[in-house]
Amino acid sequence: MRTFWMSFVNPDLPKGQQNLVICIIDIDDLDAEAARVKLEKSQFKDTYHKKKAPWIMAATAKAHSMGCTPGGEVTSYDITDHENPVWVQRLPRNRLLTSAEADALNDQQVH
């Protein structure tokens, strides 16, 4: 299992309002394998990063299926091996978190 921090932004909004929300998603091997199969059948089969892309695709798809996609652009970070594993374990999963909640979580990671 891997844990992803998904950040959603809208670069068309004014500065200071571009960060929309985040969502923390857990992805298992079956999710990643299903994404890999889809990638292998796609037009991108010869161009994607074989190790990382299935996990990112699975995390994005799961976020979408859970309603955690407010639009805009998404950036994902694999935080499974974060230096503070207790902090990662405490993160709320599978729901949208506001920018304020994300800021509070970032403040907590150093404690």
C-alpha atoms as a PDB file:
ATOM      1  CA  MET A   1       0.000   0.000   0.000  1.00  0.00           C
ATOM      2  CA  ARG A   2       1.116   3.541  -0.786  1.00  0.00           C
ATOM      3  CA  THR A   3      -0.227   6.862   0.488  1.00  0.00           C
ATOM      4  CA  PHE A   4      -0.568   9.901  -1.772  1.00  0.00           C
ATOM      5  CA  TRP A   5      -1.041  13.570  -0.927  1.00  0.00           C
ATOM      6  CA  MET A   6      -3.095  15.004  -3.794  1.00  0.00           C
ATOM      7  CA  SER A   7      -3.006  18.818  -4.116  1.00  0.00           C
ATOM      8  CA  PHE A   8      -5.586  20.511  -6.326  1.00  0.00           C
ATOM      9  CA  VAL A   9      -4.886  23.991  -7.695  1.00  0.00           C
ATOM     10  CA  ASN A  10      -6.424  26.372 -10.184  1.00  0.00           C
ATOM     11  CA  PRO A  11      -3.676  28.531 -11.739  1.00  0.00           C
ATOM     12  CA  ASP A  12      -6.325  30.754 -13.363  1.00  0.00           C
ATOM     13  CA  LEU A  13      -7.458  32.118  -9.997  1.00  0.00           C
ATOM     14  CA  PRO A  14      -5.796  35.158  -8.394  1.00  0.00           C
ATOM     15  CA  LYS A  15      -2.633  34.559  -6.381  1.00  0.00           C
ATOM     16  CA  GLY A  16      -3.466  33.492  -2.855  1.00  0.00           C
ATOM     17  CA  GLN A  17      -6.616  31.707  -4.031  1.00  0.00           C
ATOM     18  CA  GLN A  18      -5.011  29.151  -6.360  1.00  0.00           C
ATOM     19  CA  ASN A  19      -4.630  26.350  -3.805  1.00  0.00           C
ATOM     20  CA  LEU A  20      -8.022  24.688  -3.627  1.00  0.00           C
ATOM     21  CA  VAL A  21      -7.933  21.594  -1.454  1.00  0.00           C
ATOM     22  CA  ILE A  22      -6.022  18.398  -0.776  1.00  0.00           C
ATOM     23  CA  CYS A  23      -6.985  14.760  -0.409  1.00  0.00           C
ATOM     24  CA  ILE A  24      -4.989  11.916   1.152  1.00  0.00           C
ATOM     25  CA  ILE A  25      -5.510   8.619  -0.701  1.00  0.00           C
ATOM     26  CA  ASP A  26      -4.302   5.086   0.054  1.00  0.00           C
ATOM     27  CA  ILE A  27      -3.644   2.879  -2.972  1.00  0.00           C
ATOM     28  CA  ASP A  28      -3.036  -0.850  -2.838  1.00  0.00           C
ATOM     29  CA  ASP A  29      -1.239  -3.161  -5.266  1.00  0.00           C
ATOM     30  CA  LEU A  30      -4.504  -4.170  -6.963  1.00  0.00           C
ATOM     31  CA  ASP A  31      -5.376  -0.526  -7.690  1.00  0.00           C
ATOM     32  CA  ALA A  32      -1.930   0.069  -9.192  1.00  0.00           C
ATOM     33  CA  GLU A  33      -2.058  -3.137 -11.241  1.00  0.00           C
ATOM     34  CA  ALA A  34      -5.454  -2.201 -12.705  1.00  0.00           C
ATOM     35  CA  ALA A  35      -4.035   1.196 -13.681  1.00  0.00           C
ATOM     36  CA  ARG A  36      -0.959  -0.465 -15.219  1.00  0.00           C
ATOM     37  CA  VAL A  37      -3.194  -2.674 -17.391  1.00  0.00           C
ATOM     38  CA  LYS A  38      -5.093   0.405 -18.607  1.00  0.00           C
ATOM     39  CA  LEU A  39      -1.848   2.220 -19.357  1.00  0.00           C
ATOM     40  CA  GLU A  40      -0.525  -0.748 -21.338  1.00  0.00           C
ATOM     41  CA  LYS A  41      -3.640  -0.622 -23.524  1.00  0.00           C
ATOM     42  CA  SER A  42      -3.449   3.146 -24.002  1.00  0.00           C
ATOM     43  CA  GLN A  43      -1.690   5.337 -26.526  1.00  0.00           C
ATOM     44  CA  PHE A  44       0.885   6.054 -23.808  1.00  0.00           C
ATOM     45  CA  LYS A  45       2.033   2.445 -23.457  1.00  0.00           C
ATOM     46  CA  ASP A  46       5.572   3.259 -24.569  1.00  0.00           C
ATOM     47  CA  THR A  47       5.978   6.608 -22.824  1.00  0.00           C
ATOM     48  CA  TYR A  48       4.950   6.368 -19.176  1.00  0.00           C
ATOM     49  CA  HIS A  49       7.187   5.763 -16.156  1.00  0.00           C
ATOM     50  CA  LYS A  50       6.656   2.038 -15.604  1.00  0.00           C
ATOM     51  CA  LYS A  51       7.129   2.146 -11.826  1.00  0.00           C
ATOM     52  CA  LYS A  52       5.440   5.418 -10.806  1.00  0.00           C
ATOM     53  CA  ALA A  53       2.702   6.103 -13.357  1.00  0.00           C
ATOM     54  CA  PRO A  54       0.337   3.248 -12.381  1.00  0.00           C
ATOM     55  CA  TRP A  55       0.362   4.412  -8.756  1.00  0.00           C
ATOM     56  CA  ILE A  56      -0.271   8.047  -9.690  1.00  0.00           C
ATOM     57  CA  MET A  57      -3.006   7.084 -12.126  1.00  0.00           C
ATOM     58  CA  ALA A  58      -4.656   4.862  -9.499  1.00  0.00           C
ATOM     59  CA  ALA A  59      -4.477   7.631  -6.866  1.00  0.00           C
ATOM     60  CA  THR A  60      -6.020  10.165  -9.244  1.00  0.00           C
ATOM     61  CA  ALA A  61      -8.789   7.750 -10.256  1.00  0.00           C
ATOM     62  CA  LYS A  62      -9.568   6.897  -6.626  1.00  0.00           C
ATOM     63  CA  ALA A  63      -9.673  10.577  -5.658  1.00  0.00           C
ATOM     64  CA  HIS A  64     -12.098  11.183  -8.517  1.00  0.00           C
ATOM     65  CA  SER A  65     -14.310   8.230  -7.578  1.00  0.00           C
ATOM     66  CA  MET A  66     -14.536   9.520  -3.997  1.00  0.00           C
ATOM     67  CA  GLY A  67     -15.521  13.008  -5.095  1.00  0.00           C
ATOM     68  CA  CYS A  68     -12.176  14.464  -4.059  1.00  0.00           C
ATOM     69  CA  THR A  69     -11.621  16.334  -7.298  1.00  0.00           C
ATOM     70  CA  PRO A  70     -12.714  19.966  -7.268  1.00  0.00           C
ATOM     71  CA  GLY A  71     -11.316  20.659 -10.729  1.00  0.00           C
ATOM     72  CA  GLY A  72      -8.179  22.480 -11.709  1.00  0.00           C
ATOM     73  CA  GLU A  73      -4.830  20.728 -11.830  1.00  0.00           C
ATOM     74  CA  VAL A  74      -3.577  18.009  -9.521  1.00  0.00           C
ATOM     75  CA  THR A  75      -0.135  17.288  -8.165  1.00  0.00           C
ATOM     76  CA  SER A  76       0.483  14.084  -6.270  1.00  0.00           C
ATOM     77  CA  TYR A  77       3.178  13.254  -3.761  1.00  0.00           C
ATOM     78  CA  ASP A  78       3.887   9.745  -2.549  1.00  0.00           C
ATOM     79  CA  ILE A  79       4.246  10.236   1.215  1.00  0.00           C
ATOM     80  CA  THR A  80       4.407   6.547   2.137  1.00  0.00           C
ATOM     81  CA  ASP A  81       8.049   6.749   3.178  1.00  0.00           C
ATOM     82  CA  HIS A  82       7.810  10.175   4.822  1.00  0.00           C
ATOM     83  CA  GLU A  83      10.343  10.891   7.560  1.00  0.00           C
ATOM     84  CA  ASN A  84       7.506  11.150  10.097  1.00  0.00           C
ATOM     85  CA  PRO A  85       5.429   7.957   9.685  1.00  0.00           C
ATOM     86  CA  VAL A  86       3.250   8.721  12.727  1.00  0.00           C
ATOM     87  CA  TRP A  87       2.173  11.979  11.071  1.00  0.00           C
ATOM     88  CA  VAL A  88       1.283  10.101   7.863  1.00  0.00           C
ATOM     89  CA  GLN A  89      -0.759   7.537   9.814  1.00  0.00           C
ATOM     90  CA  ARG A  90      -2.778  10.314  11.488  1.00  0.00           C
ATOM     91  CA  LEU A  91      -3.763  12.065   8.256  1.00  0.00           C
ATOM     92  CA  PRO A  92      -7.482  11.984   7.452  1.00  0.00           C
ATOM     93  CA  ARG A  93      -8.139   9.846   4.392  1.00  0.00           C
ATOM     94  CA  ASN A  94     -10.434   9.899   1.379  1.00  0.00           C
ATOM     95  CA  ARG A  95     -12.059  13.290   1.835  1.00  0.00           C
ATOM     96  CA  LEU A  96     -11.393  16.836   0.728  1.00  0.00           C
ATOM     97  CA  LEU A  97      -9.377  18.976   3.112  1.00  0.00           C
ATOM     98  CA  THR A  98      -9.376  22.750   2.867  1.00  0.00           C
ATOM     99  CA  SER A  99      -6.194  24.764   2.476  1.00  0.00           C
ATOM    100  CA  ALA A 100      -6.487  25.776   6.142  1.00  0.00           C
ATOM    101  CA  GLU A 101      -6.702  22.108   7.189  1.00  0.00           C
ATOM    102  CA  ALA A 102      -3.710  21.293   4.979  1.00  0.00           C
ATOM    103  CA  ASP A 103      -1.702  24.132   6.522  1.00  0.00           C
ATOM    104  CA  ALA A 104      -2.538  22.834  10.005  1.00  0.00           C
ATOM    105  CA  LEU A 105      -1.445  19.320   8.984  1.00  0.00           C
ATOM    106  CA  ASN A 106       1.835  20.682   7.620  1.00  0.00           C
ATOM    107  CA  ASP A 107       2.430  22.490  10.928  1.00  0.00           C
ATOM    108  CA  GLN A 108       1.862  19.211  12.812  1.00  0.00           C
ATOM    109  CA  GLN A 109       4.383  17.166  10.832  1.00  0.00           C
ATOM    110  CA  VAL A 110       7.363  18.647  12.655  1.00  0.00           C
ATOM    111  CA  HIS A 111       6.012  17.741  16.101  1.00  0.00           C
END
